[in-house]
PDB file of all heavy atoms in Angstrom:
ATOM      1  N   HIS A   1       0.857  -1.188   0.000  1.00  0.00           N
ATOM      2  CA  HIS A   1       0.000   0.000   0.000  1.00  0.00           C
ATOM      3  C   HIS A   1       0.891   1.236   0.000  1.00  0.00           C
ATOM      4  O   HIS A   1       1.742   1.397   0.877  1.00  0.00           O
ATOM      5  CB  HIS A   1      -0.921   0.008   1.220  1.00  0.00           C
ATOM      6  CG  HIS A   1      -2.047   0.985   1.115  1.00  0.00           C
ATOM      7  ND1 HIS A   1      -3.084   0.842   0.208  1.00  0.00           N
ATOM      8  CD2 HIS A   1      -2.300   2.137   1.788  1.00  0.00           C
ATOM      9  CE1 HIS A   1      -3.929   1.851   0.340  1.00  0.00           C
ATOM     10  NE2 HIS A   1      -3.465   2.659   1.292  1.00  0.00           N
ATOM     11  N   GLU A   2       0.687   2.076  -0.989  1.00  0.00           N
ATOM     12  CA  GLU A   2       1.531   3.259  -1.178  1.00  0.00           C
ATOM     13  C   GLU A   2       0.863   4.502  -0.592  1.00  0.00           C
ATOM     14  O   GLU A   2      -0.306   4.776  -0.852  1.00  0.00           O
ATOM     15  CB  GLU A   2       1.771   3.472  -2.673  1.00  0.00           C
ATOM     16  CG  GLU A   2       2.585   4.708  -3.018  1.00  0.00           C
ATOM     17  CD  GLU A   2       2.581   4.954  -4.517  1.00  0.00           C
ATOM     18  OE1 GLU A   2       3.385   4.311  -5.207  1.00  0.00           O
ATOM     19  OE2 GLU A   2       1.741   5.766  -4.996  1.00  0.00           O
ATOM     20  N   TYR A   3       1.631   5.242   0.198  1.00  0.00           N
ATOM     21  CA  TYR A   3       1.189   6.504   0.766  1.00  0.00           C
ATOM     22  C   TYR A   3       2.026   7.618   0.125  1.00  0.00           C
ATOM     23  O   TYR A   3       3.253   7.648   0.283  1.00  0.00           O
ATOM     24  CB  TYR A   3       1.400   6.534   2.277  1.00  0.00           C
ATOM     25  CG  TYR A   3       0.592   5.518   3.047  1.00  0.00           C
ATOM     26  CD1 TYR A   3       0.998   4.183   3.122  1.00  0.00           C
ATOM     27  CD2 TYR A   3      -0.578   5.883   3.708  1.00  0.00           C
ATOM     28  CE1 TYR A   3       0.271   3.245   3.826  1.00  0.00           C
ATOM     29  CE2 TYR A   3      -1.318   4.956   4.426  1.00  0.00           C
ATOM     30  CZ  TYR A   3      -0.895   3.637   4.485  1.00  0.00           C
ATOM     31  OH  TYR A   3      -1.624   2.710   5.189  1.00  0.00           O
ATOM     32  N   GLU A   4       1.369   8.530  -0.590  1.00  0.00           N
ATOM     33  CA  GLU A   4       2.097   9.638  -1.210  1.00  0.00           C
ATOM     34  C   GLU A   4       2.046  10.851  -0.295  1.00  0.00           C
ATOM     35  O   GLU A   4       0.968  11.302   0.120  1.00  0.00           O
ATOM     36  CB  GLU A   4       1.517   9.990  -2.570  1.00  0.00           C
ATOM     37  CG  GLU A   4       2.310  11.087  -3.278  1.00  0.00           C
ATOM     38  CD  GLU A   4       1.836  11.380  -4.685  1.00  0.00           C
ATOM     39  OE1 GLU A   4       1.027  10.587  -5.212  1.00  0.00           O
ATOM     40  OE2 GLU A   4       2.260  12.404  -5.255  1.00  0.00           O
ATOM     41  N   MET A   5       3.232  11.376   0.019  1.00  0.00           N
ATOM     42  CA  MET A   5       3.329  12.538   0.881  1.00  0.00           C
ATOM     43  C   MET A   5       3.139  13.835   0.074  1.00  0.00           C
ATOM     44  O   MET A   5       3.177  13.841  -1.156  1.00  0.00           O
ATOM     45  CB  MET A   5       4.701  12.571   1.569  1.00  0.00           C
ATOM     46  CG  MET A   5       5.026  11.347   2.413  1.00  0.00           C
ATOM     47  SD  MET A   5       4.008  11.200   3.904  1.00  0.00           S
ATOM     48  CE  MET A   5       2.812   9.967   3.382  1.00  0.00           C
ATOM     49  N   GLU A   6       2.953  14.925   0.780  1.00  0.00           N
ATOM     50  CA  GLU A   6       2.689  16.213   0.131  1.00  0.00           C
ATOM     51  C   GLU A   6       3.840  16.641  -0.782  1.00  0.00           C
ATOM     52  O   GLU A   6       3.625  17.298  -1.803  1.00  0.00           O
ATOM     53  CB  GLU A   6       2.431  17.279   1.201  1.00  0.00           C
ATOM     54  CG  GLU A   6       1.912  18.597   0.646  1.00  0.00           C
ATOM     55  CD  GLU A   6       1.487  19.553   1.756  1.00  0.00           C
ATOM     56  OE1 GLU A   6       1.724  19.251   2.945  1.00  0.00           O
ATOM     57  OE2 GLU A   6       0.893  20.604   1.420  1.00  0.00           O
ATOM     58  N   ASP A   7       5.066  16.233  -0.438  1.00  0.00           N
ATOM     59  CA  ASP A   7       6.221  16.618  -1.246  1.00  0.00           C
ATOM     60  C   ASP A   7       6.504  15.630  -2.380  1.00  0.00           C
ATOM     61  O   ASP A   7       7.530  15.722  -3.051  1.00  0.00           O
ATOM     62  CB  ASP A   7       7.461  16.775  -0.379  1.00  0.00           C
ATOM     63  CG  ASP A   7       7.814  15.506   0.392  1.00  0.00           C
ATOM     64  OD1 ASP A   7       7.189  14.460   0.135  1.00  0.00           O
ATOM     65  OD2 ASP A   7       8.717  15.563   1.250  1.00  0.00           O
ATOM     66  N   GLY A   8       5.618  14.670  -2.582  1.00  0.00           N
ATOM     67  CA  GLY A   8       5.769  13.713  -3.678  1.00  0.00           C
ATOM     68  C   GLY A   8       6.435  12.408  -3.300  1.00  0.00           C
ATOM     69  O   GLY A   8       6.448  11.464  -4.102  1.00  0.00           O
ATOM     70  N   ARG A   9       7.023  12.317  -2.115  1.00  0.00           N
ATOM     71  CA  ARG A   9       7.642  11.058  -1.701  1.00  0.00           C
ATOM     72  C   ARG A   9       6.570   9.975  -1.508  1.00  0.00           C
ATOM     73  O   ARG A   9       5.453  10.269  -1.084  1.00  0.00           O
ATOM     74  CB  ARG A   9       8.417  11.235  -0.389  1.00  0.00           C
ATOM     75  CG  ARG A   9       9.691  12.051  -0.511  1.00  0.00           C
ATOM     76  CD  ARG A   9      10.345  12.260   0.861  1.00  0.00           C
ATOM     77  NE  ARG A   9       9.425  12.897   1.805  1.00  0.00           N
ATOM     78  CZ  ARG A   9       8.986  12.350   2.931  1.00  0.00           C
ATOM     79  NH1 ARG A   9       9.380  11.128   3.284  1.00  0.00           N
ATOM     80  NH2 ARG A   9       8.162  13.014   3.735  1.00  0.00           N
ATOM     81  N   ARG A  10       6.960   8.739  -1.818  1.00  0.00           N
ATOM     82  CA  ARG A  10       6.044   7.610  -1.656  1.00  0.00           C
ATOM     83  C   ARG A  10       6.623   6.621  -0.637  1.00  0.00           C
ATOM     84  O   ARG A  10       7.754   6.172  -0.790  1.00  0.00           O
ATOM     85  CB  ARG A  10       5.827   6.917  -3.004  1.00  0.00           C
ATOM     86  CG  ARG A  10       5.087   7.793  -4.014  1.00  0.00           C
ATOM     87  CD  ARG A  10       5.387   7.353  -5.432  1.00  0.00           C
ATOM     88  NE  ARG A  10       6.828   7.524  -5.725  1.00  0.00           N
ATOM     89  CZ  ARG A  10       7.405   7.118  -6.855  1.00  0.00           C
ATOM     90  NH1 ARG A  10       6.687   6.511  -7.784  1.00  0.00           N
ATOM     91  NH2 ARG A  10       8.703   7.305  -7.049  1.00  0.00           N
ATOM     92  N   LEU A  11       5.840   6.328   0.386  1.00  0.00           N
ATOM     93  CA  LEU A  11       6.224   5.354   1.410  1.00  0.00           C
ATOM     94  C   LEU A  11       5.326   4.127   1.259  1.00  0.00           C
ATOM     95  O   LEU A  11       4.099   4.258   1.225  1.00  0.00           O
ATOM     96  CB  LEU A  11       6.078   5.942   2.816  1.00  0.00           C
ATOM     97  CG  LEU A  11       6.685   7.334   3.058  1.00  0.00           C
ATOM     98  CD1 LEU A  11       6.562   7.715   4.523  1.00  0.00           C
ATOM     99  CD2 LEU A  11       8.128   7.411   2.600  1.00  0.00           C
ATOM    100  N   ASN A  12       5.921   2.961   1.170  1.00  0.00           N
ATOM    101  CA  ASN A  12       5.185   1.736   0.851  1.00  0.00           C
ATOM    102  C   ASN A  12       5.119   0.804   2.052  1.00  0.00           C
ATOM    103  O   ASN A  12       6.161   0.400   2.592  1.00  0.00           O
ATOM    104  CB  ASN A  12       5.864   1.014  -0.306  1.00  0.00           C
ATOM    105  CG  ASN A  12       5.907   1.857  -1.556  1.00  0.00           C
ATOM    106  OD1 ASN A  12       4.890   2.114  -2.181  1.00  0.00           O
ATOM    107  ND2 ASN A  12       7.102   2.308  -1.933  1.00  0.00           N
ATOM    108  N   VAL A  13       3.907   0.470   2.476  1.00  0.00           N
ATOM    109  CA  VAL A  13       3.697  -0.399   3.627  1.00  0.00           C
ATOM    110  C   VAL A  13       3.272  -1.778   3.140  1.00  0.00           C
ATOM    111  O   VAL A  13       2.343  -1.899   2.344  1.00  0.00           O
ATOM    112  CB  VAL A  13       2.633   0.179   4.574  1.00  0.00           C
ATOM    113  CG1 VAL A  13       2.327  -0.796   5.706  1.00  0.00           C
ATOM    114  CG2 VAL A  13       3.101   1.517   5.147  1.00  0.00           C
ATOM    115  N   LEU A  14       3.946  -2.796   3.635  1.00  0.00           N
ATOM    116  CA  LEU A  14       3.634  -4.167   3.242  1.00  0.00           C
ATOM    117  C   LEU A  14       2.672  -4.816   4.227  1.00  0.00           C
ATOM    118  O   LEU A  14       2.779  -4.622   5.445  1.00  0.00           O
ATOM    119  CB  LEU A  14       4.920  -4.994   3.160  1.00  0.00           C
ATOM    120  CG  LEU A  14       5.731  -4.894   1.868  1.00  0.00           C
ATOM    121  CD1 LEU A  14       6.221  -3.484   1.611  1.00  0.00           C
ATOM    122  CD2 LEU A  14       6.890  -5.888   1.884  1.00  0.00           C
ATOM    123  N   ALA A  15       1.714  -5.575   3.690  1.00  0.00           N
ATOM    124  CA  ALA A  15       0.817  -6.430   4.481  1.00  0.00           C
ATOM    125  C   ALA A  15       0.075  -5.666   5.568  1.00  0.00           C
ATOM    126  O   ALA A  15      -0.154  -6.181   6.656  1.00  0.00           O
ATOM    127  CB  ALA A  15       1.597  -7.593   5.100  1.00  0.00           C
ATOM    128  N   GLU A  16      -0.290  -4.400   5.259  1.00  0.00           N
ATOM    129  CA  GLU A  16      -1.073  -3.580   6.190  1.00  0.00           C
ATOM    130  C   GLU A  16      -0.359  -3.390   7.527  1.00  0.00           C
ATOM    131  O   GLU A  16      -0.999  -3.136   8.552  1.00  0.00           O
ATOM    132  CB  GLU A  16      -2.455  -4.189   6.421  1.00  0.00           C
ATOM    133  CG  GLU A  16      -3.283  -4.329   5.153  1.00  0.00           C
ATOM    134  CD  GLU A  16      -4.636  -4.969   5.405  1.00  0.00           C
ATOM    135  OE1 GLU A  16      -5.060  -5.045   6.579  1.00  0.00           O
ATOM    136  OE2 GLU A  16      -5.268  -5.402   4.420  1.00  0.00           O
ATOM    137  N   GLY A  17       0.965  -3.530   7.536  1.00  0.00           N
ATOM    138  CA  GLY A  17       1.712  -3.394   8.781  1.00  0.00           C
ATOM    139  C   GLY A  17       1.580  -4.583   9.706  1.00  0.00           C
ATOM    140  O   GLY A  17       2.067  -4.554  10.842  1.00  0.00           O
ATOM    141  N   ARG A  18       0.942  -5.641   9.223  1.00  0.00           N
ATOM    142  CA  ARG A  18       0.815  -6.856  10.027  1.00  0.00           C
ATOM    143  C   ARG A  18       2.040  -7.746   9.810  1.00  0.00           C
ATOM    144  O   ARG A  18       2.925  -7.432   9.012  1.00  0.00           O
ATOM    145  CB  ARG A  18      -0.478  -7.596   9.673  1.00  0.00           C
ATOM    146  CG  ARG A  18      -1.740  -6.804  10.040  1.00  0.00           C
ATOM    147  CD  ARG A  18      -3.003  -7.632   9.876  1.00  0.00           C
ATOM    148  NE  ARG A  18      -4.201  -6.870  10.217  1.00  0.00           N
ATOM    149  CZ  ARG A  18      -4.664  -6.694  11.447  1.00  0.00           C
ATOM    150  NH1 ARG A  18      -4.030  -7.233  12.469  1.00  0.00           N
ATOM    151  NH2 ARG A  18      -5.751  -5.992  11.666  1.00  0.00           N
ATOM    152  N   LEU A  19       2.077  -8.849  10.504  1.00  0.00           N
ATOM    153  CA  LEU A  19       3.196  -9.771  10.470  1.00  0.00           C
ATOM    154  C   LEU A  19       3.492 -10.177   9.032  1.00  0.00           C
ATOM    155  O   LEU A  19       2.804 -11.003   8.447  1.00  0.00           O
ATOM    156  CB  LEU A  19       2.854 -10.981  11.333  1.00  0.00           C
ATOM    157  CG  LEU A  19       3.934 -11.974  11.692  1.00  0.00           C
ATOM    158  CD1 LEU A  19       5.089 -11.300  12.393  1.00  0.00           C
ATOM    159  CD2 LEU A  19       3.346 -13.062  12.570  1.00  0.00           C
ATOM    160  N   VAL A  20       4.542  -9.608   8.463  1.00  0.00           N
ATOM    161  CA  VAL A  20       4.731  -9.654   7.014  1.00  0.00           C
ATOM    162  C   VAL A  20       4.926 -11.066   6.493  1.00  0.00           C
ATOM    163  O   VAL A  20       4.445 -11.411   5.403  1.00  0.00           O
ATOM    164  CB  VAL A  20       5.903  -8.745   6.585  1.00  0.00           C
ATOM    165  CG1 VAL A  20       7.244  -9.279   7.073  1.00  0.00           C
ATOM    166  CG2 VAL A  20       5.912  -8.530   5.083  1.00  0.00           C
ATOM    167  N   ASN A  21       5.598 -11.912   7.261  1.00  0.00           N
ATOM    168  CA  ASN A  21       5.895 -13.248   6.749  1.00  0.00           C
ATOM    169  C   ASN A  21       4.694 -14.179   6.776  1.00  0.00           C
ATOM    170  O   ASN A  21       4.770 -15.311   6.291  1.00  0.00           O
ATOM    171  CB  ASN A  21       7.070 -13.870   7.527  1.00  0.00           C
ATOM    172  CG  ASN A  21       6.761 -14.034   8.998  1.00  0.00           C
ATOM    173  OD1 ASN A  21       5.909 -13.355   9.540  1.00  0.00           O
ATOM    174  ND2 ASN A  21       7.474 -14.937   9.657  1.00  0.00           N
ATOM    175  N   LEU A  22       3.580 -13.714   7.317  1.00  0.00           N
ATOM    176  CA  LEU A  22       2.356 -14.512   7.342  1.00  0.00           C
ATOM    177  C   LEU A  22       1.157 -13.789   6.754  1.00  0.00           C
ATOM    178  O   LEU A  22       0.185 -14.425   6.340  1.00  0.00           O
ATOM    179  CB  LEU A  22       2.025 -14.946   8.782  1.00  0.00           C
ATOM    180  CG  LEU A  22       2.855 -16.125   9.294  1.00  0.00           C
ATOM    181  CD1 LEU A  22       2.868 -16.149  10.806  1.00  0.00           C
ATOM    182  CD2 LEU A  22       2.313 -17.434   8.743  1.00  0.00           C
ATOM    183  N   ALA A  23       1.196 -12.465   6.682  1.00  0.00           N
ATOM    184  CA  ALA A  23       0.018 -11.699   6.282  1.00  0.00           C
ATOM    185  C   ALA A  23       0.067 -11.183   4.852  1.00  0.00           C
ATOM    186  O   ALA A  23      -0.962 -10.769   4.313  1.00  0.00           O
ATOM    187  CB  ALA A  23      -0.192 -10.525   7.242  1.00  0.00           C
ATOM    188  N   ALA A  24       1.237 -11.168   4.226  1.00  0.00           N
ATOM    189  CA  ALA A  24       1.314 -10.728   2.829  1.00  0.00           C
ATOM    190  C   ALA A  24       0.631 -11.755   1.928  1.00  0.00           C
ATOM    191  O   ALA A  24       0.503 -12.933   2.291  1.00  0.00           O
ATOM    192  CB  ALA A  24       2.779 -10.551   2.422  1.00  0.00           C
ATOM    193  N   PRO A  25       0.177 -11.339   0.737  1.00  0.00           N
ATOM    194  CA  PRO A  25      -0.578 -12.256  -0.126  1.00  0.00           C
ATOM    195  C   PRO A  25       0.148 -13.552  -0.463  1.00  0.00           C
ATOM    196  O   PRO A  25      -0.470 -14.604  -0.588  1.00  0.00           O
ATOM    197  CB  PRO A  25      -0.820 -11.418  -1.390  1.00  0.00           C
ATOM    198  CG  PRO A  25      -0.812 -10.013  -0.905  1.00  0.00           C
ATOM    199  CD  PRO A  25       0.203  -9.969   0.191  1.00  0.00           C
ATOM    200  N   LEU A  26       1.472 -13.497  -0.621  1.00  0.00           N
ATOM    201  CA  LEU A  26       2.240 -14.687  -0.982  1.00  0.00           C
ATOM    202  C   LEU A  26       2.933 -15.328   0.219  1.00  0.00           C
ATOM    203  O   LEU A  26       3.747 -16.233   0.050  1.00  0.00           O
ATOM    204  CB  LEU A  26       3.292 -14.327  -2.039  1.00  0.00           C
ATOM    205  CG  LEU A  26       2.761 -13.811  -3.374  1.00  0.00           C
ATOM    206  CD1 LEU A  26       3.913 -13.381  -4.283  1.00  0.00           C
ATOM    207  CD2 LEU A  26       1.917 -14.877  -4.067  1.00  0.00           C
ATOM    208  N   ALA A  27       2.617 -14.878   1.413  1.00  0.00           N
ATOM    209  CA  ALA A  27       3.337 -15.323   2.605  1.00  0.00           C
ATOM    210  C   ALA A  27       3.068 -16.791   2.916  1.00  0.00           C
ATOM    211  O   ALA A  27       1.933 -17.258   2.845  1.00  0.00           O
ATOM    212  CB  ALA A  27       2.950 -14.465   3.795  1.00  0.00           C
ATOM    213  N   LEU A  28       4.115 -17.499   3.296  1.00  0.00           N
ATOM    214  CA  LEU A  28       4.007 -18.906   3.679  1.00  0.00           C
ATOM    215  C   LEU A  28       4.498 -19.157   5.099  1.00  0.00           C
ATOM    216  O   LEU A  28       4.487 -20.290   5.569  1.00  0.00           O
ATOM    217  CB  LEU A  28       4.807 -19.775   2.708  1.00  0.00           C
ATOM    218  CG  LEU A  28       4.325 -19.752   1.252  1.00  0.00           C
ATOM    219  CD1 LEU A  28       5.291 -20.533   0.371  1.00  0.00           C
ATOM    220  CD2 LEU A  28       2.915 -20.324   1.147  1.00  0.00           C
ATOM    221  N   GLY A  29       4.934 -18.096   5.803  1.00  0.00           N
ATOM    222  CA  GLY A  29       5.422 -18.275   7.155  1.00  0.00           C
ATOM    223  C   GLY A  29       6.803 -18.889   7.185  1.00  0.00           C
ATOM    224  O   GLY A  29       7.505 -18.957   6.181  1.00  0.00           O
ATOM    225  N   HIS A  30       7.198 -19.344   8.368  1.00  0.00           N
ATOM    226  CA  HIS A  30       8.536 -19.897   8.558  1.00  0.00           C
ATOM    227  C   HIS A  30       8.727 -21.173   7.737  1.00  0.00           C
ATOM    228  O   HIS A  30       7.763 -21.883   7.443  1.00  0.00           O
ATOM    229  CB  HIS A  30       8.769 -20.242  10.026  1.00  0.00           C
ATOM    230  CG  HIS A  30       8.885 -19.047  10.916  1.00  0.00           C
ATOM    231  ND1 HIS A  30       8.841 -17.748  10.462  1.00  0.00           N
ATOM    232  CD2 HIS A  30       9.058 -18.967  12.264  1.00  0.00           C
ATOM    233  CE1 HIS A  30       8.982 -16.918  11.482  1.00  0.00           C
ATOM    234  NE2 HIS A  30       9.116 -17.638  12.585  1.00  0.00           N
ATOM    235  N   PRO A  31       9.979 -21.508   7.414  1.00  0.00           N
ATOM    236  CA  PRO A  31      10.249 -22.780   6.744  1.00  0.00           C
ATOM    237  C   PRO A  31       9.707 -23.961   7.544  1.00  0.00           C
ATOM    238  O   PRO A  31       9.649 -23.938   8.776  1.00  0.00           O
ATOM    239  CB  PRO A  31      11.786 -22.819   6.679  1.00  0.00           C
ATOM    240  CG  PRO A  31      12.201 -21.384   6.712  1.00  0.00           C
ATOM    241  CD  PRO A  31      11.206 -20.701   7.599  1.00  0.00           C
ATOM    242  N   VAL A  32       9.335 -25.007   6.811  1.00  0.00           N
ATOM    243  CA  VAL A  32       8.701 -26.172   7.434  1.00  0.00           C
ATOM    244  C   VAL A  32       9.595 -26.781   8.509  1.00  0.00           C
ATOM    245  O   VAL A  32       9.138 -27.089   9.623  1.00  0.00           O
ATOM    246  CB  VAL A  32       8.360 -27.231   6.364  1.00  0.00           C
ATOM    247  CG1 VAL A  32       7.744 -28.469   7.014  1.00  0.00           C
ATOM    248  CG2 VAL A  32       7.403 -26.655   5.323  1.00  0.00           C
ATOM    249  N   GLU A  33      10.889 -26.955   8.207  1.00  0.00           N
ATOM    250  CA  GLU A  33      11.776 -27.622   9.158  1.00  0.00           C
ATOM    251  C   GLU A  33      11.891 -26.855  10.470  1.00  0.00           C
ATOM    252  O   GLU A  33      12.022 -27.467  11.539  1.00  0.00           O
ATOM    253  CB  GLU A  33      13.178 -27.778   8.551  1.00  0.00           C
ATOM    254  CG  GLU A  33      13.219 -28.602   7.284  1.00  0.00           C
ATOM    255  CD  GLU A  33      13.133 -27.752   6.034  1.00  0.00           C
ATOM    256  OE1 GLU A  33      12.553 -26.635   6.100  1.00  0.00           O
ATOM    257  OE2 GLU A  33      13.638 -28.199   4.983  1.00  0.00           O
ATOM    258  N   VAL A  34      11.837 -25.530  10.386  1.00  0.00           N
ATOM    259  CA  VAL A  34      11.926 -24.708  11.590  1.00  0.00           C
ATOM    260  C   VAL A  34      10.690 -24.893  12.465  1.00  0.00           C
ATOM    261  O   VAL A  34      10.785 -25.087  13.689  1.00  0.00           O
ATOM    262  CB  VAL A  34      12.107 -23.227  11.206  1.00  0.00           C
ATOM    263  CG1 VAL A  34      11.907 -22.325  12.418  1.00  0.00           C
ATOM    264  CG2 VAL A  34      13.495 -22.999  10.614  1.00  0.00           C
ATOM    265  N   MET A  35       9.522 -24.867  11.847  1.00  0.00           N
ATOM    266  CA  MET A  35       8.291 -25.009  12.623  1.00  0.00           C
ATOM    267  C   MET A  35       8.117 -26.420  13.149  1.00  0.00           C
ATOM    268  O   MET A  35       7.433 -26.634  14.159  1.00  0.00           O
ATOM    269  CB  MET A  35       7.082 -24.596  11.780  1.00  0.00           C
ATOM    270  CG  MET A  35       7.055 -23.115  11.432  1.00  0.00           C
ATOM    271  SD  MET A  35       7.379 -22.006  12.846  1.00  0.00           S
ATOM    272  CE  MET A  35       6.064 -22.461  13.970  1.00  0.00           C
ATOM    273  N   ASP A  36       8.725 -27.397  12.501  1.00  0.00           N
ATOM    274  CA  ASP A  36       8.721 -28.759  13.025  1.00  0.00           C
ATOM    275  C   ASP A  36       9.302 -28.773  14.437  1.00  0.00           C
ATOM    276  O   ASP A  36       8.774 -29.432  15.341  1.00  0.00           O
ATOM    277  CB  ASP A  36       9.533 -29.653  12.089  1.00  0.00           C
ATOM    278  CG  ASP A  36       9.467 -31.121  12.466  1.00  0.00           C
ATOM    279  OD1 ASP A  36       8.426 -31.565  12.992  1.00  0.00           O
ATOM    280  OD2 ASP A  36      10.454 -31.843  12.216  1.00  0.00           O
ATOM    281  N   GLN A  37      10.390 -28.025  14.631  1.00  0.00           N
ATOM    282  CA  GLN A  37      11.008 -27.957  15.954  1.00  0.00           C
ATOM    283  C   GLN A  37      10.114 -27.245  16.957  1.00  0.00           C
ATOM    284  O   GLN A  37       9.884 -27.728  18.068  1.00  0.00           O
ATOM    285  CB  GLN A  37      12.355 -27.238  15.844  1.00  0.00           C
ATOM    286  CG  GLN A  37      13.345 -27.969  14.955  1.00  0.00           C
ATOM    287  CD  GLN A  37      14.671 -27.253  14.796  1.00  0.00           C
ATOM    288  OE1 GLN A  37      15.518 -27.697  14.049  1.00  0.00           O
ATOM    289  NE2 GLN A  37      14.859 -26.149  15.489  1.00  0.00           N
ATOM    290  N   SER A  38       9.580 -26.094  16.572  1.00  0.00           N
ATOM    291  CA  SER A  38       8.751 -25.317  17.504  1.00  0.00           C
ATOM    292  C   SER A  38       7.490 -26.073  17.892  1.00  0.00           C
ATOM    293  O   SER A  38       7.095 -26.098  19.071  1.00  0.00           O
ATOM    294  CB  SER A  38       8.375 -23.974  16.869  1.00  0.00           C
ATOM    295  OG  SER A  38       9.516 -23.181  16.677  1.00  0.00           O
ATOM    296  N   PHE A  39       6.861 -26.697  16.923  1.00  0.00           N
ATOM    297  CA  PHE A  39       5.609 -27.401  17.217  1.00  0.00           C
ATOM    298  C   PHE A  39       5.867 -28.721  17.945  1.00  0.00           C
ATOM    299  O   PHE A  39       5.003 -29.206  18.679  1.00  0.00           O
ATOM    300  CB  PHE A  39       4.805 -27.611  15.939  1.00  0.00           C
ATOM    301  CG  PHE A  39       4.205 -26.337  15.405  1.00  0.00           C
ATOM    302  CD1 PHE A  39       3.960 -26.179  14.049  1.00  0.00           C
ATOM    303  CD2 PHE A  39       3.884 -25.289  16.251  1.00  0.00           C
ATOM    304  CE1 PHE A  39       3.406 -25.006  13.552  1.00  0.00           C
ATOM    305  CE2 PHE A  39       3.322 -24.110  15.766  1.00  0.00           C
ATOM    306  CZ  PHE A  39       3.085 -23.972  14.413  1.00  0.00           C
ATOM    307  N   GLY A  40       7.059 -29.298  17.752  1.00  0.00           N
ATOM    308  CA  GLY A  40       7.418 -30.441  18.575  1.00  0.00           C
ATOM    309  C   GLY A  40       7.482 -30.064  20.050  1.00  0.00           C
ATOM    310  O   GLY A  40       6.998 -30.802  20.911  1.00  0.00           O
ATOM    311  N   VAL A  41       8.046 -28.903  20.327  1.00  0.00           N
ATOM    312  CA  VAL A  41       8.092 -28.404  21.707  1.00  0.00           C
ATOM    313  C   VAL A  41       6.677 -28.134  22.211  1.00  0.00           C
ATOM    314  O   VAL A  41       6.333 -28.480  23.356  1.00  0.00           O
ATOM    315  CB  VAL A  41       8.961 -27.142  21.811  1.00  0.00           C
ATOM    316  CG1 VAL A  41       8.921 -26.581  23.229  1.00  0.00           C
ATOM    317  CG2 VAL A  41      10.408 -27.442  21.416  1.00  0.00           C
ATOM    318  N   GLN A  42       5.836 -27.532  21.372  1.00  0.00           N
ATOM    319  CA  GLN A  42       4.445 -27.268  21.775  1.00  0.00           C
ATOM    320  C   GLN A  42       3.739 -28.558  22.182  1.00  0.00           C
ATOM    321  O   GLN A  42       3.087 -28.627  23.231  1.00  0.00           O
ATOM    322  CB  GLN A  42       3.674 -26.618  20.614  1.00  0.00           C
ATOM    323  CG  GLN A  42       3.935 -25.146  20.416  1.00  0.00           C
ATOM    324  CD  GLN A  42       3.097 -24.281  21.360  1.00  0.00           C
ATOM    325  OE1 GLN A  42       2.632 -24.740  22.401  1.00  0.00           O
ATOM    326  NE2 GLN A  42       2.927 -23.035  20.997  1.00  0.00           N
ATOM    327  N   ALA A  43       3.841 -29.574  21.332  1.00  0.00           N
ATOM    328  CA  ALA A  43       3.154 -30.839  21.610  1.00  0.00           C
ATOM    329  C   ALA A  43       3.682 -31.474  22.897  1.00  0.00           C
ATOM    330  O   ALA A  43       2.899 -31.983  23.728  1.00  0.00           O
ATOM    331  CB  ALA A  43       3.330 -31.792  20.429  1.00  0.00           C
ATOM    332  N   ALA A  44       5.008 -31.436  23.089  1.00  0.00           N
ATOM    333  CA  ALA A  44       5.589 -31.998  24.302  1.00  0.00           C
ATOM    334  C   ALA A  44       5.115 -31.240  25.539  1.00  0.00           C
ATOM    335  O   ALA A  44       4.884 -31.839  26.604  1.00  0.00           O
ATOM    336  CB  ALA A  44       7.115 -31.976  24.211  1.00  0.00           C
ATOM    337  N   CYS A  45       4.961 -29.915  25.416  1.00  0.00           N
ATOM    338  CA  CYS A  45       4.503 -29.106  26.551  1.00  0.00           C
ATOM    339  C   CYS A  45       3.042 -29.371  26.887  1.00  0.00           C
ATOM    340  O   CYS A  45       2.659 -29.388  28.066  1.00  0.00           O
ATOM    341  CB  CYS A  45       4.721 -27.628  26.245  1.00  0.00           C
ATOM    342  SG  CYS A  45       6.437 -27.105  26.357  1.00  0.00           S
ATOM    343  N   VAL A  46       2.211 -29.563  25.874  1.00  0.00           N
ATOM    344  CA  VAL A  46       0.814 -29.912  26.139  1.00  0.00           C
ATOM    345  C   VAL A  46       0.747 -31.238  26.889  1.00  0.00           C
ATOM    346  O   VAL A  46       0.024 -31.380  27.886  1.00  0.00           O
ATOM    347  CB  VAL A  46       0.011 -29.978  24.822  1.00  0.00           C
ATOM    348  CG1 VAL A  46      -1.372 -30.567  25.081  1.00  0.00           C
ATOM    349  CG2 VAL A  46      -0.118 -28.594  24.207  1.00  0.00           C
TER     350      VAL A  46
END
């Protein structure tokens, strides 16, 4: 999303300022192998 300032400068915000690696249109989040570790810990903690 592009915001044009009064002096003509353009500032571009990705994914509405939300978590970019999950909220952008093409976002897939963390690599699978990384989340395998995190979710293994989650399951063990439950």
